Amino acid sequence: MMATTHAFAGLTVVSPLAYLAPEFAVPLALGALAGGLAPDFDLPLAHRRTFHFPIVGLVGVVLAVGLAFYTPTAATVTIAAFVAAAWLHAASDVFGGGPEMDPWRNRTERAVYDHVRGRWLRPKRWIRYDGAPEDAVLAFVLALPALVVFGGWIKTVVLGGLGVSVAYALLRRRLIRWTADWEWLE
C-alpha cells in the first residue's frame, strides 16, 4: 500500500481519541502520521523486514498504549500513536502485494517478514500493489475520519496527501518505465 494509505490508517485509528480528548489531537496526529510512515524508511535496506514488525510489534503497542492510558501526557500519547500506527502499517502490509516495484511482471510471495517465526508472510493481494486503483480508494476512505475530526494544518496535510495519492495512483505503472530510463545516471 502507499505510504499515504498507511498514514491515513494511523489517523483513522486515533481520530476517535482526538475527538474525545481534543487537547491531545495534535500529539495523536503527529504520532499517527510519523508512525504510519516510519516502517517504510527501510526501503533502501531490507524492505518490509528491517523496520516492519507485524507480530512482535503488537507487544510495543500494548506497552505504549498502557503507558499513555495511565500517564496521559502529550509525549506518551504521541509515542502510543506512533507505535500503534507503525504496527498497523507492518501488519497491514500482508493485505497488499509484495514489495517488488513491478508486481504485474515479477510477483514475489513475500509480503512482510515475521521476526517471531523467522519467515516471510505471503501477500494476500487485496490491494494488488502500492498505487493500484483500489489503494487510492482505500486512501480516500481512510482519510475521511481525519478530515472530519482534525482541522488546521493537519487537515491541510491530509488533503495534500490525498492529492499525492491520486497523482501516484495515476502514474504508478508509468513510473517504472520512466525510472528504467534513468539507469544511465548510475
N, C-alpha and C. Protein backbone atom coordinates (compact mmCIF):
# COMPACT_ATOMS: atom_id res chain seq x y z
N MET A 1 0.83 -1.19 0.00
CA MET A 1 0.00 0.00 0.00
C MET A 1 0.87 1.25 0.00
N MET A 2 0.29 2.34 -0.44
CA MET A 2 1.01 3.61 -0.48
C MET A 2 1.30 4.09 0.94
N ALA A 3 2.37 4.85 1.08
CA ALA A 3 2.72 5.44 2.37
C ALA A 3 1.57 6.30 2.89
N THR A 4 0.91 7.01 2.00
CA THR A 4 -0.22 7.85 2.43
C THR A 4 -1.37 7.01 2.97
N THR A 5 -1.61 5.86 2.38
CA THR A 5 -2.67 4.98 2.88
C THR A 5 -2.35 4.57 4.31
N HIS A 6 -1.10 4.22 4.57
CA HIS A 6 -0.69 3.84 5.93
C HIS A 6 -0.81 5.01 6.90
N ALA A 7 -0.43 6.20 6.46
CA ALA A 7 -0.55 7.38 7.32
C ALA A 7 -2.01 7.68 7.64
N PHE A 8 -2.88 7.57 6.64
CA PHE A 8 -4.31 7.80 6.87
C PHE A 8 -4.90 6.72 7.78
N ALA A 9 -4.42 5.50 7.68
CA ALA A 9 -4.89 4.43 8.58
C ALA A 9 -4.55 4.78 10.02
N GLY A 10 -3.34 5.28 10.25
CA GLY A 10 -2.97 5.70 11.59
C GLY A 10 -3.85 6.82 12.10
N LEU A 11 -4.15 7.80 11.25
CA LEU A 11 -5.04 8.89 11.64
C LEU A 11 -6.45 8.39 11.93
N THR A 12 -6.90 7.40 11.17
CA THR A 12 -8.23 6.84 11.40
C THR A 12 -8.32 6.22 12.79
N VAL A 13 -7.27 5.51 13.18
CA VAL A 13 -7.26 4.86 14.49
C VAL A 13 -7.32 5.89 15.62
N VAL A 14 -6.60 7.00 15.48
CA VAL A 14 -6.57 7.98 16.58
C VAL A 14 -7.68 9.02 16.50
N SER A 15 -8.41 9.07 15.41
CA SER A 15 -9.46 10.09 15.26
C SER A 15 -10.50 10.07 16.38
N PRO A 16 -11.02 8.91 16.78
CA PRO A 16 -12.00 8.93 17.89
C PRO A 16 -11.40 9.49 19.18
N LEU A 17 -10.15 9.16 19.45
CA LEU A 17 -9.49 9.68 20.66
C LEU A 17 -9.30 11.19 20.57
N ALA A 18 -8.91 11.67 19.39
CA ALA A 18 -8.74 13.11 19.20
C ALA A 18 -10.06 13.85 19.36
N TYR A 19 -11.14 13.21 18.94
CA TYR A 19 -12.46 13.83 19.09
C TYR A 19 -12.85 13.91 20.57
N LEU A 20 -12.58 12.83 21.31
CA LEU A 20 -12.95 12.77 22.72
C LEU A 20 -12.02 13.59 23.61
N ALA A 21 -10.77 13.70 23.22
CA ALA A 21 -9.78 14.45 24.01
C ALA A 21 -9.06 15.43 23.08
N PRO A 22 -9.72 16.51 22.69
CA PRO A 22 -9.14 17.45 21.72
C PRO A 22 -7.81 18.06 22.17
N GLU A 23 -7.55 18.08 23.47
CA GLU A 23 -6.27 18.61 23.94
C GLU A 23 -5.08 17.74 23.49
N PHE A 24 -5.37 16.50 23.08
CA PHE A 24 -4.33 15.60 22.59
C PHE A 24 -4.41 15.40 21.07
N ALA A 25 -5.21 16.17 20.37
CA ALA A 25 -5.40 15.98 18.93
C ALA A 25 -4.09 16.11 18.16
N VAL A 26 -3.33 17.14 18.42
CA VAL A 26 -2.08 17.35 17.68
C VAL A 26 -1.06 16.26 18.00
N PRO A 27 -0.81 15.94 19.29
CA PRO A 27 0.13 14.84 19.56
C PRO A 27 -0.31 13.51 18.94
N LEU A 28 -1.60 13.23 18.97
CA LEU A 28 -2.10 12.00 18.35
C LEU A 28 -1.86 12.00 16.85
N ALA A 29 -2.15 13.12 16.21
CA ALA A 29 -1.95 13.21 14.76
C ALA A 29 -0.47 13.11 14.39
N LEU A 30 0.39 13.78 15.12
CA LEU A 30 1.82 13.72 14.84
C LEU A 30 2.34 12.29 14.97
N GLY A 31 1.96 11.62 16.06
CA GLY A 31 2.38 10.25 16.27
C GLY A 31 1.86 9.31 15.20
N ALA A 32 0.57 9.48 14.85
CA ALA A 32 -0.04 8.60 13.85
C ALA A 32 0.57 8.80 12.47
N LEU A 33 0.79 10.03 12.09
CA LEU A 33 1.39 10.30 10.77
C LEU A 33 2.81 9.76 10.69
N ALA A 34 3.61 10.06 11.71
CA ALA A 34 5.00 9.59 11.71
C ALA A 34 5.07 8.07 11.78
N GLY A 35 4.24 7.47 12.64
CA GLY A 35 4.24 6.02 12.77
C GLY A 35 3.73 5.32 11.53
N GLY A 36 2.77 5.93 10.85
CA GLY A 36 2.26 5.34 9.61
C GLY A 36 3.29 5.34 8.49
N LEU A 37 4.21 6.29 8.54
CA LEU A 37 5.25 6.39 7.50
C LEU A 37 6.54 5.67 7.87
N ALA A 38 6.86 5.61 9.15
CA ALA A 38 8.18 5.15 9.63
C ALA A 38 8.63 3.79 9.12
N PRO A 39 7.80 2.77 9.09
CA PRO A 39 8.32 1.46 8.65
C PRO A 39 8.92 1.49 7.25
N ASP A 40 8.44 2.36 6.39
CA ASP A 40 8.97 2.39 5.02
C ASP A 40 10.32 3.08 4.91
N PHE A 41 10.88 3.54 6.01
CA PHE A 41 12.25 4.06 5.96
C PHE A 41 13.25 2.93 5.75
N ASP A 42 12.76 1.69 5.70
CA ASP A 42 13.64 0.57 5.39
C ASP A 42 13.70 0.29 3.88
N LEU A 43 13.12 1.15 3.07
CA LEU A 43 13.17 0.96 1.61
C LEU A 43 14.58 0.72 1.07
N PRO A 44 15.58 1.50 1.48
CA PRO A 44 16.92 1.23 0.94
C PRO A 44 17.61 0.04 1.61
N LEU A 45 17.01 -0.52 2.63
CA LEU A 45 17.59 -1.65 3.35
C LEU A 45 16.87 -2.92 2.91
N ALA A 46 16.51 -3.77 3.84
CA ALA A 46 15.71 -4.96 3.52
C ALA A 46 14.25 -4.56 3.72
N HIS A 47 13.63 -4.06 2.64
CA HIS A 47 12.28 -3.51 2.75
C HIS A 47 11.28 -4.54 3.26
N ARG A 48 10.46 -4.08 4.16
CA ARG A 48 9.44 -4.87 4.84
C ARG A 48 10.03 -5.94 5.75
N ARG A 49 11.29 -5.77 6.09
CA ARG A 49 11.91 -6.66 7.06
C ARG A 49 12.62 -5.86 8.16
N THR A 50 13.35 -4.84 7.79
CA THR A 50 14.17 -4.11 8.75
C THR A 50 13.35 -3.35 9.79
N PHE A 51 12.37 -2.58 9.36
CA PHE A 51 11.57 -1.77 10.29
C PHE A 51 10.11 -2.20 10.34
N HIS A 52 9.79 -3.36 9.84
CA HIS A 52 8.42 -3.87 9.87
C HIS A 52 8.34 -5.02 10.88
N PHE A 53 7.45 -4.87 11.86
CA PHE A 53 7.30 -5.88 12.90
C PHE A 53 5.82 -6.23 13.07
N PRO A 54 5.28 -7.04 12.15
CA PRO A 54 3.84 -7.30 12.15
C PRO A 54 3.33 -8.13 13.33
N ILE A 55 4.18 -8.92 13.95
CA ILE A 55 3.75 -9.77 15.06
C ILE A 55 4.26 -9.19 16.38
N VAL A 56 5.55 -9.11 16.53
CA VAL A 56 6.15 -8.65 17.78
C VAL A 56 5.84 -7.18 18.07
N GLY A 57 5.52 -6.41 17.06
CA GLY A 57 5.19 -5.01 17.25
C GLY A 57 3.97 -4.79 18.11
N LEU A 58 3.11 -5.79 18.17
CA LEU A 58 1.90 -5.67 19.00
C LEU A 58 2.24 -5.54 20.48
N VAL A 59 3.34 -6.14 20.90
CA VAL A 59 3.79 -6.01 22.29
C VAL A 59 4.10 -4.54 22.59
N GLY A 60 4.79 -3.89 21.66
CA GLY A 60 5.09 -2.46 21.83
C GLY A 60 3.83 -1.62 21.90
N VAL A 61 2.83 -1.98 21.10
CA VAL A 61 1.56 -1.24 21.11
C VAL A 61 0.91 -1.35 22.50
N VAL A 62 0.83 -2.55 23.02
CA VAL A 62 0.20 -2.76 24.33
C VAL A 62 0.93 -1.96 25.40
N LEU A 63 2.25 -2.00 25.39
CA LEU A 63 3.03 -1.26 26.39
C LEU A 63 2.86 0.26 26.24
N ALA A 64 2.96 0.75 25.02
CA ALA A 64 2.86 2.20 24.78
C ALA A 64 1.47 2.73 25.08
N VAL A 65 0.45 2.00 24.66
CA VAL A 65 -0.93 2.43 24.93
C VAL A 65 -1.22 2.36 26.42
N GLY A 66 -0.72 1.33 27.07
CA GLY A 66 -0.89 1.22 28.52
C GLY A 66 -0.26 2.39 29.25
N LEU A 67 0.94 2.75 28.86
CA LEU A 67 1.61 3.90 29.47
C LEU A 67 0.82 5.18 29.24
N ALA A 68 0.35 5.39 28.01
CA ALA A 68 -0.43 6.60 27.70
C ALA A 68 -1.75 6.63 28.46
N PHE A 69 -2.34 5.46 28.68
CA PHE A 69 -3.60 5.40 29.42
C PHE A 69 -3.39 5.77 30.89
N TYR A 70 -2.31 5.26 31.48
CA TYR A 70 -2.06 5.52 32.90
C TYR A 70 -1.37 6.85 33.15
N THR A 71 -0.63 7.35 32.18
CA THR A 71 0.06 8.63 32.30
C THR A 71 -0.17 9.43 31.02
N PRO A 72 -1.36 9.99 30.86
CA PRO A 72 -1.67 10.71 29.62
C PRO A 72 -1.00 12.09 29.56
N THR A 73 0.08 12.14 28.81
CA THR A 73 0.76 13.41 28.53
C THR A 73 0.91 13.51 27.02
N ALA A 74 1.29 14.67 26.55
CA ALA A 74 1.49 14.83 25.11
C ALA A 74 2.55 13.84 24.61
N ALA A 75 3.59 13.64 25.38
CA ALA A 75 4.67 12.73 24.96
C ALA A 75 4.20 11.28 24.91
N THR A 76 3.52 10.81 25.96
CA THR A 76 3.11 9.40 25.98
C THR A 76 2.04 9.11 24.93
N VAL A 77 1.17 10.08 24.69
CA VAL A 77 0.14 9.91 23.67
C VAL A 77 0.76 9.89 22.28
N THR A 78 1.74 10.75 22.05
CA THR A 78 2.43 10.76 20.75
C THR A 78 3.14 9.43 20.51
N ILE A 79 3.83 8.95 21.52
CA ILE A 79 4.55 7.67 21.39
C ILE A 79 3.57 6.53 21.15
N ALA A 80 2.47 6.50 21.88
CA ALA A 80 1.48 5.43 21.70
C ALA A 80 0.90 5.47 20.28
N ALA A 81 0.57 6.66 19.79
CA ALA A 81 0.03 6.77 18.43
C ALA A 81 1.07 6.34 17.40
N PHE A 82 2.33 6.72 17.62
CA PHE A 82 3.41 6.33 16.71
C PHE A 82 3.55 4.81 16.65
N VAL A 83 3.66 4.18 17.80
CA VAL A 83 3.87 2.74 17.86
C VAL A 83 2.67 1.99 17.28
N ALA A 84 1.46 2.45 17.59
CA ALA A 84 0.26 1.78 17.07
C ALA A 84 0.17 1.92 15.55
N ALA A 85 0.45 3.10 15.02
CA ALA A 85 0.38 3.30 13.57
C ALA A 85 1.49 2.52 12.85
N ALA A 86 2.68 2.47 13.45
CA ALA A 86 3.77 1.71 12.84
C ALA A 86 3.44 0.22 12.81
N TRP A 87 2.87 -0.29 13.90
CA TRP A 87 2.48 -1.70 13.92
C TRP A 87 1.37 -1.96 12.90
N LEU A 88 0.38 -1.07 12.85
CA LEU A 88 -0.72 -1.23 11.89
C LEU A 88 -0.17 -1.26 10.46
N HIS A 89 0.78 -0.41 10.16
CA HIS A 89 1.41 -0.39 8.84
C HIS A 89 2.03 -1.75 8.54
N ALA A 90 2.86 -2.23 9.46
CA ALA A 90 3.55 -3.51 9.24
C ALA A 90 2.57 -4.66 9.13
N ALA A 91 1.57 -4.69 9.99
CA ALA A 91 0.60 -5.79 9.97
C ALA A 91 -0.27 -5.75 8.72
N SER A 92 -0.60 -4.57 8.24
CA SER A 92 -1.49 -4.47 7.09
C SER A 92 -0.78 -4.70 5.76
N ASP A 93 0.55 -4.66 5.75
CA ASP A 93 1.26 -4.92 4.50
C ASP A 93 1.00 -6.33 3.96
N VAL A 94 0.58 -7.23 4.80
CA VAL A 94 0.26 -8.58 4.33
C VAL A 94 -0.97 -8.58 3.42
N PHE A 95 -1.82 -7.56 3.51
CA PHE A 95 -3.03 -7.50 2.69
C PHE A 95 -2.77 -6.94 1.29
N GLY A 96 -1.58 -6.41 1.09
CA GLY A 96 -1.20 -5.90 -0.23
C GLY A 96 -0.41 -6.94 -1.00
N GLY A 97 0.28 -6.43 -2.01
CA GLY A 97 1.17 -7.30 -2.78
C GLY A 97 2.53 -7.34 -2.14
N GLY A 98 3.49 -7.89 -2.84
CA GLY A 98 4.85 -7.94 -2.35
C GLY A 98 5.53 -6.59 -2.50
N PRO A 99 6.77 -6.50 -2.03
CA PRO A 99 7.48 -5.22 -2.08
C PRO A 99 8.13 -4.90 -3.42
N GLU A 100 7.95 -5.74 -4.42
CA GLU A 100 8.59 -5.51 -5.71
C GLU A 100 8.06 -4.25 -6.39
N MET A 101 8.87 -3.67 -7.24
CA MET A 101 8.50 -2.43 -7.90
C MET A 101 7.53 -2.64 -9.06
N ASP A 102 7.55 -3.81 -9.65
CA ASP A 102 6.69 -4.08 -10.81
C ASP A 102 5.93 -5.40 -10.61
N PRO A 103 4.98 -5.41 -9.70
CA PRO A 103 4.29 -6.67 -9.36
C PRO A 103 3.46 -7.26 -10.50
N TRP A 104 3.17 -6.49 -11.52
CA TRP A 104 2.41 -7.03 -12.65
C TRP A 104 3.31 -7.88 -13.54
N ARG A 105 4.64 -7.81 -13.35
CA ARG A 105 5.57 -8.64 -14.13
C ARG A 105 6.30 -9.65 -13.25
N ASN A 106 6.80 -9.21 -12.12
CA ASN A 106 7.63 -10.07 -11.25
C ASN A 106 7.01 -10.16 -9.86
N ARG A 107 6.13 -11.11 -9.68
CA ARG A 107 5.46 -11.25 -8.38
C ARG A 107 6.29 -12.11 -7.45
N THR A 108 6.44 -11.64 -6.22
CA THR A 108 7.08 -12.44 -5.20
C THR A 108 6.02 -12.92 -4.22
N GLU A 109 6.38 -13.85 -3.42
CA GLU A 109 5.46 -14.36 -2.39
C GLU A 109 5.90 -13.87 -1.01
N ARG A 110 6.50 -12.70 -0.97
CA ARG A 110 6.98 -12.11 0.28
C ARG A 110 6.24 -10.81 0.54
N ALA A 111 5.37 -10.79 1.53
CA ALA A 111 4.65 -9.56 1.86
C ALA A 111 5.39 -8.78 2.94
N VAL A 112 5.60 -9.42 4.08
CA VAL A 112 6.27 -8.77 5.21
C VAL A 112 6.90 -9.87 6.05
N TYR A 113 8.03 -9.54 6.68
CA TYR A 113 8.78 -10.54 7.42
C TYR A 113 8.25 -10.69 8.84
N ASP A 114 8.04 -11.93 9.25
CA ASP A 114 7.61 -12.27 10.60
C ASP A 114 8.86 -12.62 11.39
N HIS A 115 9.32 -11.72 12.25
CA HIS A 115 10.54 -11.93 13.02
C HIS A 115 10.37 -13.01 14.09
N VAL A 116 9.15 -13.25 14.53
CA VAL A 116 8.91 -14.27 15.55
C VAL A 116 9.15 -15.66 14.97
N ARG A 117 8.58 -15.93 13.82
CA ARG A 117 8.72 -17.26 13.19
C ARG A 117 9.92 -17.35 12.26
N GLY A 118 10.55 -16.22 11.95
CA GLY A 118 11.71 -16.21 11.08
C GLY A 118 11.40 -16.56 9.64
N ARG A 119 10.27 -16.06 9.15
CA ARG A 119 9.88 -16.35 7.77
C ARG A 119 9.05 -15.19 7.22
N TRP A 120 8.93 -15.17 5.90
CA TRP A 120 8.12 -14.15 5.23
C TRP A 120 6.66 -14.59 5.21
N LEU A 121 5.77 -13.65 5.46
CA LEU A 121 4.33 -13.90 5.31
C LEU A 121 3.96 -13.68 3.85
N ARG A 122 3.06 -14.48 3.37
CA ARG A 122 2.64 -14.39 1.96
C ARG A 122 1.65 -13.24 1.77
N PRO A 123 1.74 -12.54 0.65
CA PRO A 123 0.81 -11.44 0.39
C PRO A 123 -0.59 -11.96 0.03
N LYS A 124 -1.60 -11.30 0.55
CA LYS A 124 -2.99 -11.65 0.22
C LYS A 124 -3.45 -10.96 -1.06
N ARG A 125 -2.81 -9.85 -1.40
CA ARG A 125 -3.08 -9.08 -2.62
C ARG A 125 -4.52 -8.52 -2.71
N TRP A 126 -5.09 -8.17 -1.57
CA TRP A 126 -6.38 -7.48 -1.61
C TRP A 126 -6.17 -6.12 -2.26
N ILE A 127 -5.03 -5.53 -2.00
CA ILE A 127 -4.55 -4.34 -2.72
C ILE A 127 -3.42 -4.90 -3.58
N ARG A 128 -3.61 -4.95 -4.88
CA ARG A 128 -2.68 -5.66 -5.75
C ARG A 128 -1.25 -5.15 -5.65
N TYR A 129 -1.08 -3.85 -5.56
CA TYR A 129 0.25 -3.24 -5.45
C TYR A 129 0.06 -1.82 -4.95
N ASP A 130 1.13 -1.23 -4.42
CA ASP A 130 1.01 0.15 -3.95
C ASP A 130 0.72 1.06 -5.14
N GLY A 131 -0.28 1.89 -4.98
CA GLY A 131 -0.68 2.78 -6.05
C GLY A 131 -1.73 2.19 -6.99
N ALA A 132 -2.20 0.98 -6.71
CA ALA A 132 -3.28 0.39 -7.51
C ALA A 132 -4.54 1.23 -7.29
N PRO A 133 -5.49 1.17 -8.23
CA PRO A 133 -6.72 1.96 -8.05
C PRO A 133 -7.41 1.68 -6.71
N GLU A 134 -7.44 0.42 -6.29
CA GLU A 134 -8.09 0.11 -5.01
C GLU A 134 -7.33 0.69 -3.83
N ASP A 135 -6.04 0.91 -3.98
CA ASP A 135 -5.24 1.55 -2.94
C ASP A 135 -5.65 3.03 -2.82
N ALA A 136 -5.85 3.68 -3.95
CA ALA A 136 -6.28 5.08 -3.93
C ALA A 136 -7.66 5.22 -3.29
N VAL A 137 -8.55 4.30 -3.59
CA VAL A 137 -9.89 4.33 -2.97
C VAL A 137 -9.78 4.13 -1.46
N LEU A 138 -8.95 3.17 -1.05
CA LEU A 138 -8.76 2.92 0.38
C LEU A 138 -8.17 4.15 1.07
N ALA A 139 -7.20 4.80 0.43
CA ALA A 139 -6.61 6.01 1.00
C ALA A 139 -7.67 7.08 1.20
N PHE A 140 -8.54 7.26 0.22
CA PHE A 140 -9.60 8.26 0.33
C PHE A 140 -10.53 7.93 1.50
N VAL A 141 -10.95 6.68 1.60
CA VAL A 141 -11.87 6.27 2.68
C VAL A 141 -11.21 6.45 4.04
N LEU A 142 -9.94 6.08 4.16
CA LEU A 142 -9.24 6.21 5.43
C LEU A 142 -8.96 7.66 5.80
N ALA A 143 -8.92 8.55 4.83
CA ALA A 143 -8.68 9.97 5.11
C ALA A 143 -9.93 10.67 5.65
N LEU A 144 -11.10 10.12 5.38
CA LEU A 144 -12.34 10.79 5.76
C LEU A 144 -12.46 11.09 7.26
N PRO A 145 -12.19 10.12 8.17
CA PRO A 145 -12.29 10.47 9.59
C PRO A 145 -11.37 11.61 10.00
N ALA A 146 -10.17 11.64 9.46
CA ALA A 146 -9.24 12.72 9.79
C ALA A 146 -9.75 14.06 9.29
N LEU A 147 -10.37 14.05 8.11
CA LEU A 147 -10.91 15.31 7.57
C LEU A 147 -12.07 15.83 8.40
N VAL A 148 -12.79 14.93 9.06
CA VAL A 148 -13.92 15.33 9.91
C VAL A 148 -13.42 15.81 11.28
N VAL A 149 -12.46 15.10 11.85
CA VAL A 149 -12.04 15.35 13.24
C VAL A 149 -11.00 16.45 13.36
N PHE A 150 -10.02 16.44 12.47
CA PHE A 150 -8.91 17.38 12.60
C PHE A 150 -9.15 18.63 11.77
N GLY A 151 -8.54 19.70 12.19
CA GLY A 151 -8.63 20.95 11.45
C GLY A 151 -7.24 21.51 11.21
N GLY A 152 -7.17 22.74 10.77
CA GLY A 152 -5.91 23.45 10.61
C GLY A 152 -4.93 22.76 9.71
N TRP A 153 -3.67 22.78 10.12
CA TRP A 153 -2.60 22.23 9.30
C TRP A 153 -2.73 20.73 9.10
N ILE A 154 -3.33 20.03 10.05
CA ILE A 154 -3.48 18.57 9.91
C ILE A 154 -4.42 18.27 8.75
N LYS A 155 -5.51 19.00 8.68
CA LYS A 155 -6.44 18.82 7.56
C LYS A 155 -5.75 19.15 6.24
N THR A 156 -4.92 20.20 6.23
CA THR A 156 -4.18 20.57 5.03
C THR A 156 -3.22 19.46 4.61
N VAL A 157 -2.54 18.85 5.58
CA VAL A 157 -1.63 17.74 5.29
C VAL A 157 -2.40 16.56 4.70
N VAL A 158 -3.57 16.26 5.25
CA VAL A 158 -4.39 15.16 4.75
C VAL A 158 -4.84 15.43 3.31
N LEU A 159 -5.30 16.65 3.06
CA LEU A 159 -5.73 16.99 1.70
C LEU A 159 -4.55 16.92 0.72
N GLY A 160 -3.40 17.39 1.14
CA GLY A 160 -2.20 17.28 0.31
C GLY A 160 -1.83 15.83 0.06
N GLY A 161 -1.95 15.00 1.10
CA GLY A 161 -1.68 13.57 0.97
C GLY A 161 -2.64 12.90 0.01
N LEU A 162 -3.88 13.34 0.01
CA LEU A 162 -4.84 12.79 -0.95
C LEU A 162 -4.45 13.15 -2.38
N GLY A 163 -3.98 14.38 -2.57
CA GLY A 163 -3.52 14.79 -3.90
C GLY A 163 -2.33 13.95 -4.35
N VAL A 164 -1.40 13.70 -3.45
CA VAL A 164 -0.25 12.85 -3.76
C VAL A 164 -0.70 11.43 -4.07
N SER A 165 -1.66 10.93 -3.31
CA SER A 165 -2.17 9.57 -3.53
C SER A 165 -2.78 9.41 -4.91
N VAL A 166 -3.60 10.36 -5.29
CA VAL A 166 -4.26 10.28 -6.60
C VAL A 166 -3.22 10.39 -7.72
N ALA A 167 -2.30 11.34 -7.59
CA ALA A 167 -1.27 11.50 -8.62
C ALA A 167 -0.42 10.24 -8.74
N TYR A 168 -0.02 9.68 -7.61
CA TYR A 168 0.80 8.46 -7.63
C TYR A 168 0.03 7.30 -8.26
N ALA A 169 -1.24 7.15 -7.88
CA ALA A 169 -2.05 6.06 -8.45
C ALA A 169 -2.21 6.22 -9.96
N LEU A 170 -2.35 7.44 -10.42
CA LEU A 170 -2.49 7.67 -11.86
C LEU A 170 -1.19 7.39 -12.62
N LEU A 171 -0.07 7.62 -11.97
CA LEU A 171 1.23 7.50 -12.64
C LEU A 171 2.00 6.22 -12.28
N ARG A 172 1.50 5.45 -11.35
CA ARG A 172 2.26 4.33 -10.78
C ARG A 172 2.89 3.41 -11.82
N ARG A 173 2.14 2.91 -12.74
CA ARG A 173 2.69 1.95 -13.70
C ARG A 173 3.68 2.61 -14.65
N ARG A 174 3.49 3.89 -14.95
CA ARG A 174 4.42 4.60 -15.83
C ARG A 174 5.75 4.88 -15.14
N LEU A 175 5.71 5.06 -13.81
CA LEU A 175 6.92 5.39 -13.08
C LEU A 175 8.01 4.33 -13.26
N ILE A 176 7.62 3.08 -13.35
CA ILE A 176 8.60 2.01 -13.53
C ILE A 176 9.32 2.18 -14.87
N ARG A 177 8.57 2.47 -15.91
CA ARG A 177 9.20 2.69 -17.23
C ARG A 177 10.10 3.92 -17.20
N TRP A 178 9.63 4.99 -16.57
CA TRP A 178 10.40 6.22 -16.53
C TRP A 178 11.70 6.04 -15.74
N THR A 179 11.63 5.37 -14.60
CA THR A 179 12.84 5.19 -13.79
C THR A 179 13.81 4.24 -14.48
N ALA A 180 13.32 3.30 -15.27
CA ALA A 180 14.21 2.41 -16.03
C ALA A 180 15.03 3.23 -17.02
N ASP A 181 14.45 4.29 -17.53
CA ASP A 181 15.17 5.16 -18.46
C ASP A 181 16.27 5.97 -17.78
N TRP A 182 16.24 6.06 -16.45
CA TRP A 182 17.23 6.83 -15.70
C TRP A 182 18.44 6.00 -15.29
N GLU A 183 18.48 4.73 -15.67
CA GLU A 183 19.58 3.86 -15.24
C GLU A 183 20.93 4.38 -15.71
N TRP A 184 20.96 5.15 -16.77
CA TRP A 184 22.22 5.69 -17.27
C TRP A 184 22.84 6.67 -16.28
N LEU A 185 22.04 7.17 -15.31
CA LEU A 185 22.57 8.10 -14.32
C LEU A 185 23.48 7.41 -13.30
N GLU A 186 23.35 6.11 -13.17
CA GLU A 186 24.11 5.40 -12.14
C GLU A 186 25.56 5.24 -12.49
